[in-house]
């Protein structure tokens, strides 16, 4: 029996793009004042700090901030800000940019998106509100989150700062953004990618970045799509508040000549995942290629192959070499299911 158009699809879709084990670890620690805010409600309310003035392009915006910072702060290994440990999302305001209430009881804001993108988003929003789930999500067939979705993925993050480069890491994928400090943009391949090319500079303890050359993607599956002209200027800063609240806040301005009537600004946040650290959690590589059973059916909906059906992928240890010992990918529990490529004698090896 396969999940069809109704409730089963709504349930399974969330599992298809989320690492189930990571979700189990993360969900108990997330308090949300706003549905789908991924950690919203931790610390004081997030407030968007708009750019000091309007800019025509992200490069113009970035150049202005660099000038205001007198060329940036040159840090050393001993002075560069440290954002050690594990972090999880602590809310964001991106929904308020596109929905009248910033929540699921609102409607699509008029005039924020260009006519083509507004029409497409209204259909996506209709699916989310009326059907409870958009009919298709890129992550269901293992595409990376990309940008700007990286900024709200609700799984563990790590941030590693060096004088000449910063690594912004989300364990889903995993997704790694490299910030080249004090550099100019380069695009030697002449094409785009999921995380593009990011340059940056330090303004004291604030990391200012500019990202270009991105694939078309989306903010998340119930939010607007972006085009291949999408670019960002972000200001990352570790802030501390009373009662021990510690939060990395990202003031972001998004530029997209195809999708936006004018640039859009939002703020995202991450908090230290002390519960994960105390539990001894270690980030491991995980992906969904070997476990994805989603496909786009004849109705244009995300559907799923179930165990026993043709096309089902058993992520619990199938191997092309069942005759060799030690080929099971699940040696502790030996839960591999028999498939067309594995014999019952070789399953538990």
Protein backbone atom coordinates (compact mmCIF):
# COMPACT_ATOMS: atom_id res chain seq x y z
CA UNK A 1 0.00 0.00 0.00
CA UNK A 2 1.41 3.36 -1.03
CA UNK A 3 0.79 6.79 0.44
CA UNK A 4 -1.49 8.73 -1.89
CA UNK A 5 -2.63 12.32 -1.98
CA UNK A 6 -3.92 12.64 1.55
CA UNK A 7 -2.69 12.59 5.11
CA UNK A 8 0.01 9.97 4.70
CA UNK A 9 1.85 12.21 2.30
CA UNK A 10 1.74 15.08 4.78
CA UNK A 11 3.28 12.92 7.49
CA UNK A 12 5.91 11.18 5.42
CA UNK A 13 7.09 14.29 3.60
CA UNK A 14 8.46 15.77 6.80
CA UNK A 15 10.42 12.60 7.49
CA UNK A 16 11.78 12.41 3.98
CA UNK A 17 13.76 15.64 4.17
CA UNK A 18 14.57 15.60 7.88
CA UNK A 19 17.12 13.24 9.47
CA UNK A 20 14.83 11.38 11.83
CA UNK A 21 17.50 10.69 14.41
CA UNK A 22 18.56 14.32 14.46
CA UNK A 23 14.96 15.49 14.67
CA UNK A 24 14.38 13.30 17.71
CA UNK A 25 17.41 14.83 19.39
CA UNK A 26 16.50 18.39 18.50
CA UNK A 27 12.74 18.74 18.89
CA UNK A 28 12.52 18.51 22.72
CA UNK A 29 14.84 21.50 23.06
CA UNK A 30 12.98 23.80 20.68
CA UNK A 31 10.36 26.18 22.00
CA UNK A 32 8.50 28.06 19.30
CA UNK A 33 6.46 31.19 19.80
CA UNK A 34 5.66 31.18 16.11
CA UNK A 35 4.75 28.00 14.21
CA UNK A 36 7.50 26.87 11.86
CA UNK A 37 9.91 29.48 13.25
CA UNK A 38 12.34 26.65 14.14
CA UNK A 39 13.30 27.60 17.67
CA UNK A 40 11.49 30.92 17.85
CA UNK A 41 10.81 32.23 21.34
CA UNK A 42 14.30 31.78 22.75
CA UNK A 43 15.57 35.08 24.13
CA UNK A 44 14.15 38.54 23.41
CA UNK A 45 12.09 39.06 20.24
CA UNK A 46 14.14 39.22 17.08
CA UNK A 47 14.20 42.63 15.43
CA UNK A 48 15.19 43.30 11.84
CA UNK A 49 17.87 45.95 11.40
CA UNK A 50 17.39 47.26 7.83
CA UNK A 51 20.30 48.51 5.74
CA UNK A 52 21.35 52.12 6.44
CA UNK A 53 20.03 53.11 3.01
CA UNK A 54 18.75 51.54 -0.20
CA UNK A 55 21.25 49.86 -2.48
CA UNK A 56 20.81 48.77 -6.06
CA UNK A 57 22.86 45.61 -5.70
CA UNK A 58 24.30 43.36 -3.02
CA UNK A 59 27.82 44.32 -4.11
CA UNK A 60 27.04 48.02 -3.63
CA UNK A 61 25.63 47.24 -0.16
CA UNK A 62 28.68 45.16 0.78
CA UNK A 63 31.14 47.77 -0.51
CA UNK A 64 29.41 50.47 1.57
CA UNK A 65 29.70 48.38 4.75
CA UNK A 66 33.35 47.64 4.01
CA UNK A 67 34.05 51.35 3.59
CA UNK A 68 32.24 52.15 6.83
CA UNK A 69 34.43 49.56 8.56
CA UNK A 70 37.59 51.21 7.15
CA UNK A 71 38.49 48.08 5.21
CA UNK A 72 37.64 45.68 8.00
CA UNK A 73 39.34 44.34 11.11
CA UNK A 74 42.39 42.14 10.62
CA UNK A 75 42.13 39.35 13.15
CA UNK A 76 44.71 36.80 14.22
CA UNK A 77 44.20 33.28 15.55
CA UNK A 78 44.11 34.69 19.06
CA UNK A 79 41.74 37.60 18.35
CA UNK A 80 39.24 36.16 15.84
CA UNK A 81 35.80 35.69 17.46
CA UNK A 82 35.17 32.12 18.63
CA UNK A 83 31.75 30.54 18.17
CA UNK A 84 32.73 27.08 19.37
CA UNK A 85 30.38 24.22 20.15
CA UNK A 86 27.06 23.11 18.73
CA UNK A 87 24.26 25.49 17.78
CA UNK A 88 20.61 25.09 16.80
CA UNK A 89 18.18 27.52 15.23
CA UNK A 90 16.55 30.09 17.52
CA UNK A 91 13.91 31.63 15.30
CA UNK A 92 13.72 33.98 12.35
CA UNK A 93 11.48 36.66 10.86
CA UNK A 94 11.47 35.71 7.19
CA UNK A 95 7.74 34.84 7.14
CA UNK A 96 6.84 38.40 8.11
CA UNK A 97 8.42 39.60 4.86
CA UNK A 98 5.97 37.62 2.73
CA UNK A 99 2.87 36.90 4.87
CA UNK A 100 0.65 39.61 6.37
CA UNK A 101 0.68 38.14 9.87
CA UNK A 102 4.04 36.41 9.66
CA UNK A 103 2.18 33.21 10.46
CA UNK A 104 -0.13 30.60 8.94
CA UNK A 105 -3.26 32.67 9.60
CA UNK A 106 -2.13 35.34 7.12
CA UNK A 107 -2.12 35.94 3.40
CA UNK A 108 0.59 36.59 0.84
CA UNK A 109 1.73 40.21 0.94
CA UNK A 110 0.99 42.06 -2.28
CA UNK A 111 3.79 43.82 -4.14
CA UNK A 112 6.77 42.23 -2.38
CA UNK A 113 7.38 39.66 -5.10
CA UNK A 114 7.36 40.30 -8.83
CA UNK A 115 4.07 39.31 -10.53
CA UNK A 116 5.35 35.93 -11.77
CA UNK A 117 6.88 34.96 -8.44
CA UNK A 118 3.89 36.27 -6.49
CA UNK A 119 1.51 34.14 -8.55
CA UNK A 120 3.68 31.06 -8.04
CA UNK A 121 3.96 31.71 -4.30
CA UNK A 122 0.22 32.19 -3.89
CA UNK A 123 -0.29 28.69 -5.30
CA UNK A 124 2.36 27.27 -2.97
CA UNK A 125 0.75 29.08 -0.03
CA UNK A 126 -2.68 27.74 -1.03
CA UNK A 127 -1.30 24.20 -0.96
CA UNK A 128 0.24 24.75 2.47
CA UNK A 129 -2.93 26.23 3.99
CA UNK A 130 -5.62 24.17 2.26
CA UNK A 131 -3.80 20.85 1.81
CA UNK A 132 -1.54 21.11 4.83
CA UNK A 133 1.58 20.47 2.77
CA UNK A 134 3.07 21.79 -0.43
CA UNK A 135 2.88 19.15 -3.13
CA UNK A 136 6.59 19.02 -3.77
CA UNK A 137 9.71 19.82 -1.81
CA UNK A 138 13.21 19.76 -3.32
CA UNK A 139 14.66 18.14 -0.23
CA UNK A 140 12.42 15.10 -0.72
CA UNK A 141 14.74 13.85 -3.44
CA UNK A 142 17.91 14.80 -1.59
CA UNK A 143 18.76 18.21 -2.99
CA UNK A 144 20.73 20.32 -0.48
CA UNK A 145 18.87 23.10 1.35
CA UNK A 146 20.87 25.72 -0.53
CA UNK A 147 20.61 29.40 0.26
CA UNK A 148 18.71 31.02 1.92
CA UNK A 149 17.15 27.85 3.37
CA UNK A 150 20.47 27.09 5.07
CA UNK A 151 19.72 29.89 7.54
CA UNK A 152 16.72 28.15 9.09
CA UNK A 153 17.44 24.42 8.80
CA UNK A 154 16.58 23.14 12.31
CA UNK A 155 19.52 20.80 12.85
CA UNK A 156 22.86 21.13 14.58
CA UNK A 157 25.27 23.76 13.30
CA UNK A 158 28.94 24.50 13.84
CA UNK A 159 30.72 27.80 13.15
CA UNK A 160 34.50 27.82 12.79
CA UNK A 161 36.28 31.15 12.43
CA UNK A 162 39.86 31.54 11.22
CA UNK A 163 41.61 34.79 10.28
CA UNK A 164 41.33 34.13 6.52
CA UNK A 165 38.23 31.93 6.34
CA UNK A 166 35.05 31.07 8.24
CA UNK A 167 33.13 27.81 7.95
CA UNK A 168 29.36 27.94 8.46
CA UNK A 169 28.22 24.32 8.80
CA UNK A 170 24.79 22.69 8.97
CA UNK A 171 24.94 18.94 9.56
CA UNK A 172 22.13 18.29 7.04
CA UNK A 173 23.87 17.16 3.89
CA UNK A 174 26.19 18.29 5.35
CA UNK A 175 25.99 21.87 4.13
CA UNK A 176 29.17 23.93 4.37
CA UNK A 177 29.47 27.59 3.48
CA UNK A 178 33.01 28.92 3.21
CA UNK A 179 33.51 32.63 3.81
CA UNK A 180 36.68 33.92 2.17
CA UNK A 181 37.88 36.80 4.34
CA UNK A 182 39.33 39.83 2.57
CA UNK A 183 38.87 38.31 -0.89
CA UNK A 184 37.04 39.28 -4.07
CA UNK A 185 34.39 37.11 -5.73
CA UNK A 186 35.63 34.36 -8.03
CA UNK A 187 33.67 32.15 -10.38
CA UNK A 188 36.28 30.10 -12.24
CA UNK A 189 33.70 27.56 -13.45
CA UNK A 190 31.38 30.22 -14.87
CA UNK A 191 28.30 28.67 -13.25
CA UNK A 192 26.31 28.66 -10.00
CA UNK A 193 26.14 26.25 -7.06
CA UNK A 194 24.02 25.50 -3.99
CA UNK A 195 26.00 27.82 -1.71
CA UNK A 196 27.61 30.08 -4.28
CA UNK A 197 30.69 32.13 -3.56
CA UNK A 198 30.88 33.98 -0.25
CA UNK A 199 33.36 36.70 0.64
CA UNK A 200 33.52 38.58 3.91
CA UNK A 201 35.31 40.84 6.34
CA UNK A 202 35.32 41.39 10.08
CA UNK A 203 33.99 44.64 11.52
CA UNK A 204 35.22 44.19 15.06
CA UNK A 205 33.37 41.07 16.25
CA UNK A 206 30.81 41.18 13.43
CA UNK A 207 31.25 39.01 10.34
CA UNK A 208 29.92 40.74 7.19
CA UNK A 209 29.40 38.54 4.11
CA UNK A 210 28.31 38.80 0.49
CA UNK A 211 27.12 35.70 -1.40
CA UNK A 212 26.60 35.42 -5.16
CA UNK A 213 26.30 32.77 -7.90
CA UNK A 214 23.52 30.71 -6.28
CA UNK A 215 21.22 28.13 -7.77
CA UNK A 216 17.50 29.00 -7.76
CA UNK A 217 16.08 27.59 -4.54
CA UNK A 218 13.63 28.75 -1.82
CA UNK A 219 13.42 30.09 1.74
CA UNK A 220 11.74 26.86 2.82
CA UNK A 221 9.01 24.76 1.28
CA UNK A 222 6.11 26.99 2.37
CA UNK A 223 7.91 30.20 1.43
CA UNK A 224 8.77 31.91 -1.86
CA UNK A 225 11.11 30.55 -4.47
CA UNK A 226 14.29 32.38 -5.43
CA UNK A 227 15.96 32.77 -8.82
CA UNK A 228 19.50 32.36 -10.08
CA UNK A 229 19.96 36.09 -9.46
CA UNK A 230 19.51 35.69 -5.69
CA UNK A 231 22.31 37.30 -3.62
CA UNK A 232 22.77 38.11 0.06
CA UNK A 233 24.48 40.50 2.42
CA UNK A 234 24.61 39.10 5.95
CA UNK A 235 25.93 40.44 9.25
CA UNK A 236 26.72 37.67 11.79
CA UNK A 237 27.17 38.65 15.43
CA UNK A 238 27.26 36.80 18.74
CA UNK A 239 25.05 38.60 21.24
CA UNK A 240 24.55 38.00 24.95
CA UNK A 241 21.44 38.89 26.93
CA UNK A 242 20.39 38.68 30.61
CA UNK A 243 19.78 35.28 32.23
CA UNK A 244 22.56 33.65 30.25
CA UNK A 245 20.89 33.97 26.85
CA UNK A 246 23.52 33.67 24.11
CA UNK A 247 22.50 33.99 20.48
CA UNK A 248 24.21 34.35 17.11
CA UNK A 249 22.04 36.76 15.12
CA UNK A 250 22.20 37.11 11.36
CA UNK A 251 20.86 40.33 9.88
CA UNK A 252 20.31 39.42 6.22
CA UNK A 253 19.28 41.44 3.19
CA UNK A 254 18.28 39.51 0.08
CA UNK A 255 18.59 40.77 -3.50
CA UNK A 256 16.87 39.09 -6.45
CA UNK A 257 16.00 41.05 -9.59
CA UNK A 258 13.68 38.30 -10.88
CA UNK A 259 11.83 37.52 -7.64
CA UNK A 260 11.69 40.73 -5.54
CA UNK A 261 10.30 44.16 -6.30
CA UNK A 262 12.97 45.51 -3.95
CA UNK A 263 15.45 43.92 -1.52
CA UNK A 264 14.01 41.98 1.42
CA UNK A 265 15.50 41.97 4.93
CA UNK A 266 15.09 39.43 7.74
CA UNK A 267 16.92 38.29 10.86
CA UNK A 268 17.80 34.70 11.76
CA UNK A 269 19.21 33.35 15.02
CA UNK A 270 21.06 30.38 16.47
CA UNK A 271 21.45 29.42 20.11
CA UNK A 272 24.07 27.25 21.77
CA UNK A 273 22.83 23.65 21.94
CA UNK A 274 23.94 23.00 25.51
CA UNK A 275 21.60 20.02 25.81
CA UNK A 276 23.23 18.30 22.84
CA UNK A 277 26.68 19.09 24.18
CA UNK A 278 25.84 17.73 27.64
CA UNK A 279 24.46 14.56 26.06
CA UNK A 280 27.76 14.07 24.26
CA UNK A 281 26.20 14.40 20.83
CA UNK A 282 28.68 14.32 17.97
CA UNK A 283 27.83 15.53 14.51
CA UNK A 284 28.07 12.68 12.00
CA UNK A 285 27.80 12.82 8.24
CA UNK A 286 24.29 11.96 7.12
CA UNK A 287 22.47 12.21 3.83
CA UNK A 288 19.32 10.85 2.25
CA UNK A 289 20.55 9.41 -1.04
CA UNK A 290 20.53 5.83 0.23
CA UNK A 291 17.23 6.15 2.06
CA UNK A 292 15.16 8.37 -0.20
CA UNK A 293 12.00 6.66 -1.42
CA UNK A 294 10.23 9.76 -2.63
CA UNK A 295 9.20 10.42 -6.21
CA UNK A 296 7.00 12.79 -8.15
CA UNK A 297 3.84 10.89 -9.11
CA UNK A 298 1.52 11.31 -12.09
CA UNK A 299 -0.46 13.96 -10.20
CA UNK A 300 2.60 16.10 -9.54
CA UNK A 301 2.63 15.18 -5.84
CA UNK A 302 5.46 13.87 -3.70
CA UNK A 303 4.83 10.17 -3.11
CA UNK A 304 6.80 7.32 -1.56
CA UNK A 305 7.91 3.76 -2.32
CA UNK A 306 7.16 1.54 0.69
CA UNK A 307 8.94 -1.69 1.78
CA UNK A 308 8.14 -4.52 -0.59
CA UNK A 309 7.34 -2.25 -3.52
CA UNK A 310 9.41 -2.00 -6.65
CA UNK A 311 11.87 0.85 -6.36
CA UNK A 312 12.07 0.79 -2.56
CA UNK A 313 15.52 1.73 -1.21
CA UNK A 314 16.52 0.00 2.01
CA UNK A 315 18.93 2.33 3.73
CA UNK A 316 19.73 -0.19 6.45
CA UNK A 317 22.60 -1.90 4.75
CA UNK A 318 21.99 -3.20 1.22
CA UNK A 319 25.22 -4.10 -0.53
CA UNK A 320 26.38 -5.10 -3.99
CA UNK A 321 28.75 -7.67 -2.41
CA UNK A 322 26.65 -9.80 -0.01
CA UNK A 323 29.10 -12.70 -0.26
CA UNK A 324 31.79 -10.73 1.59
CA UNK A 325 31.85 -10.56 5.40
CA UNK A 326 31.41 -7.16 7.00
CA UNK A 327 29.32 -5.61 4.24
CA UNK A 328 26.25 -4.73 6.32
CA UNK A 329 26.00 -1.00 7.06
CA UNK A 330 24.13 -1.78 10.27
CA UNK A 331 26.43 -4.24 12.06
CA UNK A 332 24.95 -3.68 15.51
CA UNK A 333 21.32 -4.59 14.85
CA UNK A 334 21.60 -6.42 11.50
CA UNK A 335 18.30 -4.99 10.33
CA UNK A 336 18.97 -5.15 6.62
CA UNK A 337 15.91 -6.18 4.62
CA UNK A 338 16.27 -8.67 1.78
CA UNK A 339 16.27 -6.91 -1.60
CA UNK A 340 16.84 -7.83 -5.19
CA UNK A 341 20.57 -7.23 -4.74
CA UNK A 342 21.07 -9.03 -1.42
CA UNK A 343 20.54 -12.66 -0.50
CA UNK A 344 18.98 -13.69 2.78
CA UNK A 345 22.21 -15.54 3.65
CA UNK A 346 24.26 -12.36 3.27
CA UNK A 347 21.96 -9.85 4.90
CA UNK A 348 23.45 -9.93 8.40
CA UNK A 349 27.10 -9.97 7.37
